[in-house]
Amino acid sequence: MLRIPDSDWRTVDGVPQISVAFLRKVTPQAARFTQWIQRTHTRLLRAPDNVLSCCTSGLIDGDIPDKNGWLSAGDALALLTYSVHS
């Protein structure tokens, strides 16, 4: 079971978010995180509409926060699901 430390999740305006730092920790290619994001984003864009409807428009447009940023939980789940290492 995946446990998310309290410091790596938060809620903003009722939307749960996951830190990019945590996502980097659980990604097999953490050393090449940017490359992983780019490849995963390409795969994610081919996902069904019902999956994309759970993603923010920023993620769909390719706006990825830096290593100190935050992603919505839906965006993080979509990235992990459509990763080549899912």
PDB file of N, CA and C in Angstrom:
ATOM      1  N   MET A   1       0.841  -1.184   0.000  1.00  0.00           N
ATOM      2  CA  MET A   1       0.000   0.000   0.000  1.00  0.00           C
ATOM      3  C   MET A   1       0.882   1.243   0.000  1.00  0.00           C
ATOM      4  N   LEU A   2       0.545   2.191  -0.837  1.00  0.00           N
ATOM      5  CA  LEU A   2       1.289   3.437  -0.936  1.00  0.00           C
ATOM      6  C   LEU A   2       0.860   4.379   0.172  1.00  0.00           C
ATOM      7  N   ARG A   3       1.822   4.837   0.941  1.00  0.00           N
ATOM      8  CA  ARG A   3       1.529   5.797   2.013  1.00  0.00           C
ATOM      9  C   ARG A   3       2.117   7.141   1.630  1.00  0.00           C
ATOM     10  N   ILE A   4       1.317   8.162   1.705  1.00  0.00           N
ATOM     11  CA  ILE A   4       1.758   9.503   1.361  1.00  0.00           C
ATOM     12  C   ILE A   4       1.978  10.270   2.664  1.00  0.00           C
ATOM     13  N   PRO A   5       3.207  10.716   2.920  1.00  0.00           N
ATOM     14  CA  PRO A   5       3.471  11.482   4.137  1.00  0.00           C
ATOM     15  C   PRO A   5       2.643  12.771   4.168  1.00  0.00           C
ATOM     16  N   ASP A   6       2.302  13.204   5.359  1.00  0.00           N
ATOM     17  CA  ASP A   6       1.489  14.416   5.512  1.00  0.00           C
ATOM     18  C   ASP A   6       2.109  15.621   4.813  1.00  0.00           C
ATOM     19  N   SER A   7       3.436  15.686   4.746  1.00  0.00           N
ATOM     20  CA  SER A   7       4.093  16.832   4.126  1.00  0.00           C
ATOM     21  C   SER A   7       3.992  16.820   2.606  1.00  0.00           C
ATOM     22  N   ASP A   8       3.543  15.714   2.024  1.00  0.00           N
ATOM     23  CA  ASP A   8       3.487  15.593   0.571  1.00  0.00           C
ATOM     24  C   ASP A   8       2.080  15.659  -0.006  1.00  0.00           C
ATOM     25  N   TRP A   9       1.099  15.979   0.809  1.00  0.00           N
ATOM     26  CA  TRP A   9      -0.254  16.176   0.277  1.00  0.00           C
ATOM     27  C   TRP A   9      -0.896  17.336   1.011  1.00  0.00           C
ATOM     28  N   ARG A  10      -1.826  17.958   0.329  1.00  0.00           N
ATOM     29  CA  ARG A  10      -2.566  19.085   0.912  1.00  0.00           C
ATOM     30  C   ARG A  10      -3.877  19.225   0.161  1.00  0.00           C
ATOM     31  N   THR A  11      -4.739  20.057   0.698  1.00  0.00           N
ATOM     32  CA  THR A  11      -6.007  20.357   0.042  1.00  0.00           C
ATOM     33  C   THR A  11      -6.076  21.867  -0.162  1.00  0.00           C
ATOM     34  N   VAL A  12      -6.344  22.286  -1.392  1.00  0.00           N
ATOM     35  CA  VAL A  12      -6.475  23.698  -1.715  1.00  0.00           C
ATOM     36  C   VAL A  12      -7.841  23.893  -2.364  1.00  0.00           C
ATOM     37  N   ASP A  13      -8.672  24.709  -1.735  1.00  0.00           N
ATOM     38  CA  ASP A  13     -10.035  24.955  -2.226  1.00  0.00           C
ATOM     39  C   ASP A  13     -10.796  23.652  -2.448  1.00  0.00           C
ATOM     40  N   GLY A  14     -10.596  22.689  -1.559  1.00  0.00           N
ATOM     41  CA  GLY A  14     -11.298  21.420  -1.621  1.00  0.00           C
ATOM     42  C   GLY A  14     -10.714  20.418  -2.603  1.00  0.00           C
ATOM     43  N   VAL A  15      -9.595  20.769  -3.244  1.00  0.00           N
ATOM     44  CA  VAL A  15      -8.970  19.879  -4.228  1.00  0.00           C
ATOM     45  C   VAL A  15      -7.709  19.267  -3.619  1.00  0.00           C
ATOM     46  N   PRO A  16      -7.669  17.946  -3.479  1.00  0.00           N
ATOM     47  CA  PRO A  16      -6.467  17.308  -2.940  1.00  0.00           C
ATOM     48  C   PRO A  16      -5.314  17.424  -3.937  1.00  0.00           C
ATOM     49  N   GLN A  17      -4.130  17.692  -3.398  1.00  0.00           N
ATOM     50  CA  GLN A  17      -2.940  17.840  -4.221  1.00  0.00           C
ATOM     51  C   GLN A  17      -1.807  16.988  -3.676  1.00  0.00           C
ATOM     52  N   ILE A  18      -0.920  16.582  -4.580  1.00  0.00           N
ATOM     53  CA  ILE A  18       0.252  15.776  -4.251  1.00  0.00           C
ATOM     54  C   ILE A  18       1.481  16.574  -4.668  1.00  0.00           C
ATOM     55  N   SER A  19       2.521  16.563  -3.857  1.00  0.00           N
ATOM     56  CA  SER A  19       3.732  17.298  -4.219  1.00  0.00           C
ATOM     57  C   SER A  19       4.463  16.599  -5.350  1.00  0.00           C
ATOM     58  N   VAL A  20       5.062  17.388  -6.204  1.00  0.00           N
ATOM     59  CA  VAL A  20       5.867  16.840  -7.293  1.00  0.00           C
ATOM     60  C   VAL A  20       7.049  16.078  -6.690  1.00  0.00           C
ATOM     61  N   ALA A  21       7.567  16.552  -5.576  1.00  0.00           N
ATOM     62  CA  ALA A  21       8.677  15.858  -4.917  1.00  0.00           C
ATOM     63  C   ALA A  21       8.296  14.423  -4.569  1.00  0.00           C
ATOM     64  N   PHE A  22       7.078  14.209  -4.083  1.00  0.00           N
ATOM     65  CA  PHE A  22       6.628  12.849  -3.762  1.00  0.00           C
ATOM     66  C   PHE A  22       6.485  12.018  -5.028  1.00  0.00           C
ATOM     67  N   LEU A  23       5.910  12.617  -6.061  1.00  0.00           N
ATOM     68  CA  LEU A  23       5.749  11.894  -7.315  1.00  0.00           C
ATOM     69  C   LEU A  23       7.113  11.461  -7.850  1.00  0.00           C
ATOM     70  N   ARG A  24       8.099  12.310  -7.698  1.00  0.00           N
ATOM     71  CA  ARG A  24       9.459  11.954  -8.123  1.00  0.00           C
ATOM     72  C   ARG A  24       9.982  10.757  -7.329  1.00  0.00           C
ATOM     73  N   LYS A  25       9.633  10.682  -6.060  1.00  0.00           N
ATOM     74  CA  LYS A  25      10.109   9.582  -5.216  1.00  0.00           C
ATOM     75  C   LYS A  25       9.520   8.236  -5.635  1.00  0.00           C
ATOM     76  N   VAL A  26       8.285   8.235  -6.108  1.00  0.00           N
ATOM     77  CA  VAL A  26       7.619   6.977  -6.442  1.00  0.00           C
ATOM     78  C   VAL A  26       7.717   6.622  -7.925  1.00  0.00           C
ATOM     79  N   THR A  27       8.389   7.462  -8.686  1.00  0.00           N
ATOM     80  CA  THR A  27       8.554   7.219 -10.113  1.00  0.00           C
ATOM     81  C   THR A  27       9.840   6.445 -10.347  1.00  0.00           C
ATOM     82  N   PRO A  28       9.775   5.360 -11.091  1.00  0.00           N
ATOM     83  CA  PRO A  28      10.977   4.560 -11.333  1.00  0.00           C
ATOM     84  C   PRO A  28      12.108   5.338 -11.999  1.00  0.00           C
ATOM     85  N   GLN A  29      11.781   6.322 -12.807  1.00  0.00           N
ATOM     86  CA  GLN A  29      12.800   7.096 -13.502  1.00  0.00           C
ATOM     87  C   GLN A  29      12.998   8.461 -12.855  1.00  0.00           C
ATOM     88  N   ALA A  30      13.091   8.523 -11.547  1.00  0.00           N
ATOM     89  CA  ALA A  30      13.184   9.800 -10.850  1.00  0.00           C
ATOM     90  C   ALA A  30      14.363  10.642 -11.334  1.00  0.00           C
ATOM     91  N   ALA A  31      15.453  10.003 -11.698  1.00  0.00           N
ATOM     92  CA  ALA A  31      16.616  10.747 -12.164  1.00  0.00           C
ATOM     93  C   ALA A  31      16.335  11.437 -13.500  1.00  0.00           C
ATOM     94  N   ARG A  32      15.399  10.896 -14.247  1.00  0.00           N
ATOM     95  CA  ARG A  32      15.016  11.472 -15.545  1.00  0.00           C
ATOM     96  C   ARG A  32      13.546  11.864 -15.512  1.00  0.00           C
ATOM     97  N   PHE A  33      13.162  12.562 -14.470  1.00  0.00           N
ATOM     98  CA  PHE A  33      11.758  12.884 -14.231  1.00  0.00           C
ATOM     99  C   PHE A  33      11.148  13.678 -15.386  1.00  0.00           C
ATOM    100  N   THR A  34      11.865  14.674 -15.886  1.00  0.00           N
ATOM    101  CA  THR A  34      11.324  15.498 -16.971  1.00  0.00           C
ATOM    102  C   THR A  34      11.057  14.655 -18.206  1.00  0.00           C
ATOM    103  N   GLN A  35      11.969  13.765 -18.523  1.00  0.00           N
ATOM    104  CA  GLN A  35      11.782  12.873 -19.663  1.00  0.00           C
ATOM    105  C   GLN A  35      10.587  11.950 -19.422  1.00  0.00           C
ATOM    106  N   TRP A  36      10.464  11.437 -18.201  1.00  0.00           N
ATOM    107  CA  TRP A  36       9.331  10.578 -17.847  1.00  0.00           C
ATOM    108  C   TRP A  36       8.024  11.335 -18.023  1.00  0.00           C
ATOM    109  N   ILE A  37       7.977  12.574 -17.546  1.00  0.00           N
ATOM    110  CA  ILE A  37       6.761  13.391 -17.659  1.00  0.00           C
ATOM    111  C   ILE A  37       6.406  13.585 -19.138  1.00  0.00           C
ATOM    112  N   GLN A  38       7.382  13.918 -19.954  1.00  0.00           N
ATOM    113  CA  GLN A  38       7.107  14.167 -21.371  1.00  0.00           C
ATOM    114  C   GLN A  38       6.560  12.920 -22.058  1.00  0.00           C
ATOM    115  N   ARG A  39       7.175  11.783 -21.817  1.00  0.00           N
ATOM    116  CA  ARG A  39       6.695  10.546 -22.434  1.00  0.00           C
ATOM    117  C   ARG A  39       5.314  10.164 -21.920  1.00  0.00           C
ATOM    118  N   THR A  40       5.127  10.309 -20.628  1.00  0.00           N
ATOM    119  CA  THR A  40       3.839   9.966 -20.030  1.00  0.00           C
ATOM    120  C   THR A  40       2.748  10.910 -20.527  1.00  0.00           C
ATOM    121  N   HIS A  41       3.063  12.181 -20.650  1.00  0.00           N
ATOM    122  CA  HIS A  41       2.095  13.166 -21.134  1.00  0.00           C
ATOM    123  C   HIS A  41       1.625  12.796 -22.540  1.00  0.00           C
ATOM    124  N   THR A  42       2.541  12.369 -23.393  1.00  0.00           N
ATOM    125  CA  THR A  42       2.191  11.957 -24.748  1.00  0.00           C
ATOM    126  C   THR A  42       1.206  10.794 -24.724  1.00  0.00           C
ATOM    127  N   ARG A  43       1.463   9.825 -23.856  1.00  0.00           N
ATOM    128  CA  ARG A  43       0.550   8.675 -23.725  1.00  0.00           C
ATOM    129  C   ARG A  43      -0.790   9.105 -23.142  1.00  0.00           C
ATOM    130  N   LEU A  44      -0.743   9.997 -22.166  1.00  0.00           N
ATOM    131  CA  LEU A  44      -1.962  10.458 -21.502  1.00  0.00           C
ATOM    132  C   LEU A  44      -2.896  11.157 -22.480  1.00  0.00           C
ATOM    133  N   LEU A  45      -2.364  11.904 -23.417  1.00  0.00           N
ATOM    134  CA  LEU A  45      -3.204  12.618 -24.385  1.00  0.00           C
ATOM    135  C   LEU A  45      -4.011  11.680 -25.263  1.00  0.00           C
ATOM    136  N   ARG A  46      -3.623  10.407 -25.337  1.00  0.00           N
ATOM    137  CA  ARG A  46      -4.379   9.412 -26.107  1.00  0.00           C
ATOM    138  C   ARG A  46      -5.387   8.663 -25.230  1.00  0.00           C
ATOM    139  N   ALA A  47      -5.515   9.063 -23.982  1.00  0.00           N
ATOM    140  CA  ALA A  47      -6.445   8.406 -23.057  1.00  0.00           C
ATOM    141  C   ALA A  47      -7.887   8.738 -23.441  1.00  0.00           C
ATOM    142  N   PRO A  48      -8.824   7.901 -22.995  1.00  0.00           N
ATOM    143  CA  PRO A  48     -10.247   8.176 -23.264  1.00  0.00           C
ATOM    144  C   PRO A  48     -10.691   9.497 -22.626  1.00  0.00           C
ATOM    145  N   ASP A  49     -11.740  10.069 -23.169  1.00  0.00           N
ATOM    146  CA  ASP A  49     -12.244  11.351 -22.678  1.00  0.00           C
ATOM    147  C   ASP A  49     -12.614  11.313 -21.201  1.00  0.00           C
ATOM    148  N   ASN A  50     -13.141  10.171 -20.722  1.00  0.00           N
ATOM    149  CA  ASN A  50     -13.538  10.117 -19.314  1.00  0.00           C
ATOM    150  C   ASN A  50     -12.314  10.203 -18.396  1.00  0.00           C
ATOM    151  N   VAL A  51     -11.155   9.765 -18.855  1.00  0.00           N
ATOM    152  CA  VAL A  51      -9.918   9.906 -18.069  1.00  0.00           C
ATOM    153  C   VAL A  51      -9.448  11.356 -18.128  1.00  0.00           C
ATOM    154  N   LEU A  52      -9.432  11.910 -19.318  1.00  0.00           N
ATOM    155  CA  LEU A  52      -8.978  13.295 -19.473  1.00  0.00           C
ATOM    156  C   LEU A  52      -9.865  14.280 -18.721  1.00  0.00           C
ATOM    157  N   SER A  53     -11.133  13.929 -18.538  1.00  0.00           N
ATOM    158  CA  SER A  53     -12.030  14.825 -17.807  1.00  0.00           C
ATOM    159  C   SER A  53     -11.656  14.936 -16.331  1.00  0.00           C
ATOM    160  N   CYS A  54     -10.845  14.004 -15.833  1.00  0.00           N
ATOM    161  CA  CYS A  54     -10.382  14.043 -14.439  1.00  0.00           C
ATOM    162  C   CYS A  54      -9.103  14.859 -14.294  1.00  0.00           C
ATOM    163  N   CYS A  55      -8.515  15.260 -15.413  1.00  0.00           N
ATOM    164  CA  CYS A  55      -7.252  16.002 -15.402  1.00  0.00           C
ATOM    165  C   CYS A  55      -7.524  17.502 -15.500  1.00  0.00           C
ATOM    166  N   THR A  56      -6.608  18.272 -14.967  1.00  0.00           N
ATOM    167  CA  THR A  56      -6.734  19.719 -15.091  1.00  0.00           C
ATOM    168  C   THR A  56      -6.360  20.142 -16.507  1.00  0.00           C
ATOM    169  N   SER A  57      -6.866  21.281 -16.923  1.00  0.00           N
ATOM    170  CA  SER A  57      -6.532  21.784 -18.259  1.00  0.00           C
ATOM    171  C   SER A  57      -5.046  22.077 -18.355  1.00  0.00           C
ATOM    172  N   GLY A  58      -4.429  22.457 -17.242  1.00  0.00           N
ATOM    173  CA  GLY A  58      -2.988  22.713 -17.241  1.00  0.00           C
ATOM    174  C   GLY A  58      -2.197  21.480 -17.614  1.00  0.00           C
ATOM    175  N   LEU A  59      -2.553  20.341 -17.052  1.00  0.00           N
ATOM    176  CA  LEU A  59      -1.846  19.098 -17.379  1.00  0.00           C
ATOM    177  C   LEU A  59      -2.065  18.733 -18.843  1.00  0.00           C
ATOM    178  N   ILE A  60      -3.284  18.856 -19.311  1.00  0.00           N
ATOM    179  CA  ILE A  60      -3.580  18.519 -20.703  1.00  0.00           C
ATOM    180  C   ILE A  60      -2.792  19.425 -21.648  1.00  0.00           C
ATOM    181  N   ASP A  61      -2.614  20.691 -21.260  1.00  0.00           N
ATOM    182  CA  ASP A  61      -1.847  21.640 -22.071  1.00  0.00           C
ATOM    183  C   ASP A  61      -0.337  21.450 -21.925  1.00  0.00           C
ATOM    184  N   GLY A  62       0.081  20.575 -21.015  1.00  0.00           N
ATOM    185  CA  GLY A  62       1.502  20.301 -20.842  1.00  0.00           C
ATOM    186  C   GLY A  62       2.192  21.150 -19.792  1.00  0.00           C
ATOM    187  N   ASP A  63       1.410  21.854 -18.968  1.00  0.00           N
ATOM    188  CA  ASP A  63       1.995  22.666 -17.903  1.00  0.00           C
ATOM    189  C   ASP A  63       2.303  21.783 -16.703  1.00  0.00           C
ATOM    190  N   ILE A  64       3.571  21.502 -16.498  1.00  0.00           N
ATOM    191  CA  ILE A  64       4.002  20.654 -15.385  1.00  0.00           C
ATOM    192  C   ILE A  64       4.738  21.532 -14.388  1.00  0.00           C
ATOM    193  N   PRO A  65       4.342  21.492 -13.118  1.00  0.00           N
ATOM    194  CA  PRO A  65       5.030  22.303 -12.123  1.00  0.00           C
ATOM    195  C   PRO A  65       6.475  21.849 -11.928  1.00  0.00           C
ATOM    196  N   ASP A  66       7.301  22.743 -11.408  1.00  0.00           N
ATOM    197  CA  ASP A  66       8.694  22.382 -11.155  1.00  0.00           C
ATOM    198  C   ASP A  66       8.792  21.426  -9.972  1.00  0.00           C
ATOM    199  N   LYS A  67      10.000  21.060  -9.608  1.00  0.00           N
ATOM    200  CA  LYS A  67      10.203  20.033  -8.578  1.00  0.00           C
ATOM    201  C   LYS A  67       9.666  20.421  -7.210  1.00  0.00           C
ATOM    202  N   ASN A  68       9.412  21.687  -6.984  1.00  0.00           N
ATOM    203  CA  ASN A  68       8.852  22.129  -5.704  1.00  0.00           C
ATOM    204  C   ASN A  68       7.357  22.405  -5.792  1.00  0.00           C
ATOM    205  N   GLY A  69       6.757  22.062  -6.919  1.00  0.00           N
ATOM    206  CA  GLY A  69       5.350  22.367  -7.148  1.00  0.00           C
ATOM    207  C   GLY A  69       4.402  21.279  -6.679  1.00  0.00           C
ATOM    208  N   TRP A  70       3.151  21.447  -7.047  1.00  0.00           N
ATOM    209  CA  TRP A  70       2.073  20.544  -6.645  1.00  0.00           C
ATOM    210  C   TRP A  70       1.218  20.201  -7.852  1.00  0.00           C
ATOM    211  N   LEU A  71       0.683  18.987  -7.856  1.00  0.00           N
ATOM    212  CA  LEU A  71      -0.258  18.519  -8.873  1.00  0.00           C
ATOM    213  C   LEU A  71      -1.555  18.122  -8.185  1.00  0.00           C
ATOM    214  N   SER A  72      -2.659  18.275  -8.898  1.00  0.00           N
ATOM    215  CA  SER A  72      -3.904  17.757  -8.325  1.00  0.00           C
ATOM    216  C   SER A  72      -3.764  16.243  -8.216  1.00  0.00           C
ATOM    217  N   ALA A  73      -4.484  15.664  -7.289  1.00  0.00           N
ATOM    218  CA  ALA A  73      -4.413  14.208  -7.110  1.00  0.00           C
ATOM    219  C   ALA A  73      -4.850  13.490  -8.381  1.00  0.00           C
ATOM    220  N   GLY A  74      -5.837  14.043  -9.098  1.00  0.00           N
ATOM    221  CA  GLY A  74      -6.287  13.450 -10.356  1.00  0.00           C
ATOM    222  C   GLY A  74      -5.189  13.461 -11.411  1.00  0.00           C
ATOM    223  N   ASP A  75      -4.452  14.563 -11.492  1.00  0.00           N
ATOM    224  CA  ASP A  75      -3.343  14.651 -12.440  1.00  0.00           C
ATOM    225  C   ASP A  75      -2.258  13.638 -12.090  1.00  0.00           C
ATOM    226  N   ALA A  76      -1.928  13.547 -10.806  1.00  0.00           N
ATOM    227  CA  ALA A  76      -0.889  12.611 -10.372  1.00  0.00           C
ATOM    228  C   ALA A  76      -1.309  11.170 -10.680  1.00  0.00           C
ATOM    229  N   LEU A  77      -2.551  10.830 -10.401  1.00  0.00           N
ATOM    230  CA  LEU A  77      -3.035   9.483 -10.670  1.00  0.00           C
ATOM    231  C   LEU A  77      -3.021   9.181 -12.171  1.00  0.00           C
ATOM    232  N   ALA A  78      -3.428  10.139 -12.975  1.00  0.00           N
ATOM    233  CA  ALA A  78      -3.419   9.946 -14.423  1.00  0.00           C
ATOM    234  C   ALA A  78      -1.992   9.739 -14.930  1.00  0.00           C
ATOM    235  N   LEU A  79      -1.046  10.520 -14.428  1.00  0.00           N
ATOM    236  CA  LEU A  79       0.346  10.364 -14.842  1.00  0.00           C
ATOM    237  C   LEU A  79       0.884   9.003 -14.449  1.00  0.00           C
ATOM    238  N   LEU A  80       0.592   8.565 -13.237  1.00  0.00           N
ATOM    239  CA  LEU A  80       1.069   7.259 -12.798  1.00  0.00           C
ATOM    240  C   LEU A  80       0.402   6.135 -13.584  1.00  0.00           C
ATOM    241  N   THR A  81      -0.863   6.303 -13.909  1.00  0.00           N
ATOM    242  CA  THR A  81      -1.593   5.272 -14.642  1.00  0.00           C
ATOM    243  C   THR A  81      -1.097   5.143 -16.082  1.00  0.00           C
ATOM    244  N   TYR A  82      -0.823   6.247 -16.723  1.00  0.00           N
ATOM    245  CA  TYR A  82      -0.420   6.217 -18.125  1.00  0.00           C
ATOM    246  C   TYR A  82       1.094   6.212 -18.317  1.00  0.00           C
ATOM    247  N   SER A  83       1.823   6.043 -17.254  1.00  0.00           N
ATOM    248  CA  SER A  83       3.272   5.924 -17.336  1.00  0.00           C
ATOM    249  C   SER A  83       3.655   4.635 -18.055  1.00  0.00           C
ATOM    250  N   VAL A  84       4.801   4.641 -18.709  1.00  0.00           N
ATOM    251  CA  VAL A  84       5.283   3.408 -19.320  1.00  0.00           C
ATOM    252  C   VAL A  84       5.632   2.387 -18.250  1.00  0.00           C
ATOM    253  N   HIS A  85       5.736   2.830 -17.006  1.00  0.00           N
ATOM    254  CA  HIS A  85       6.050   1.951 -15.880  1.00  0.00           C
ATOM    255  C   HIS A  85       4.848   1.715 -14.962  1.00  0.00           C
ATOM    256  N   SER A  86       3.635   1.933 -15.476  1.00  0.00           N
ATOM    257  CA  SER A  86       2.455   1.820 -14.606  1.00  0.00           C
ATOM    258  C   SER A  86       2.228   0.398 -14.142  1.00  0.00           C
TER     259      SER A  86
END
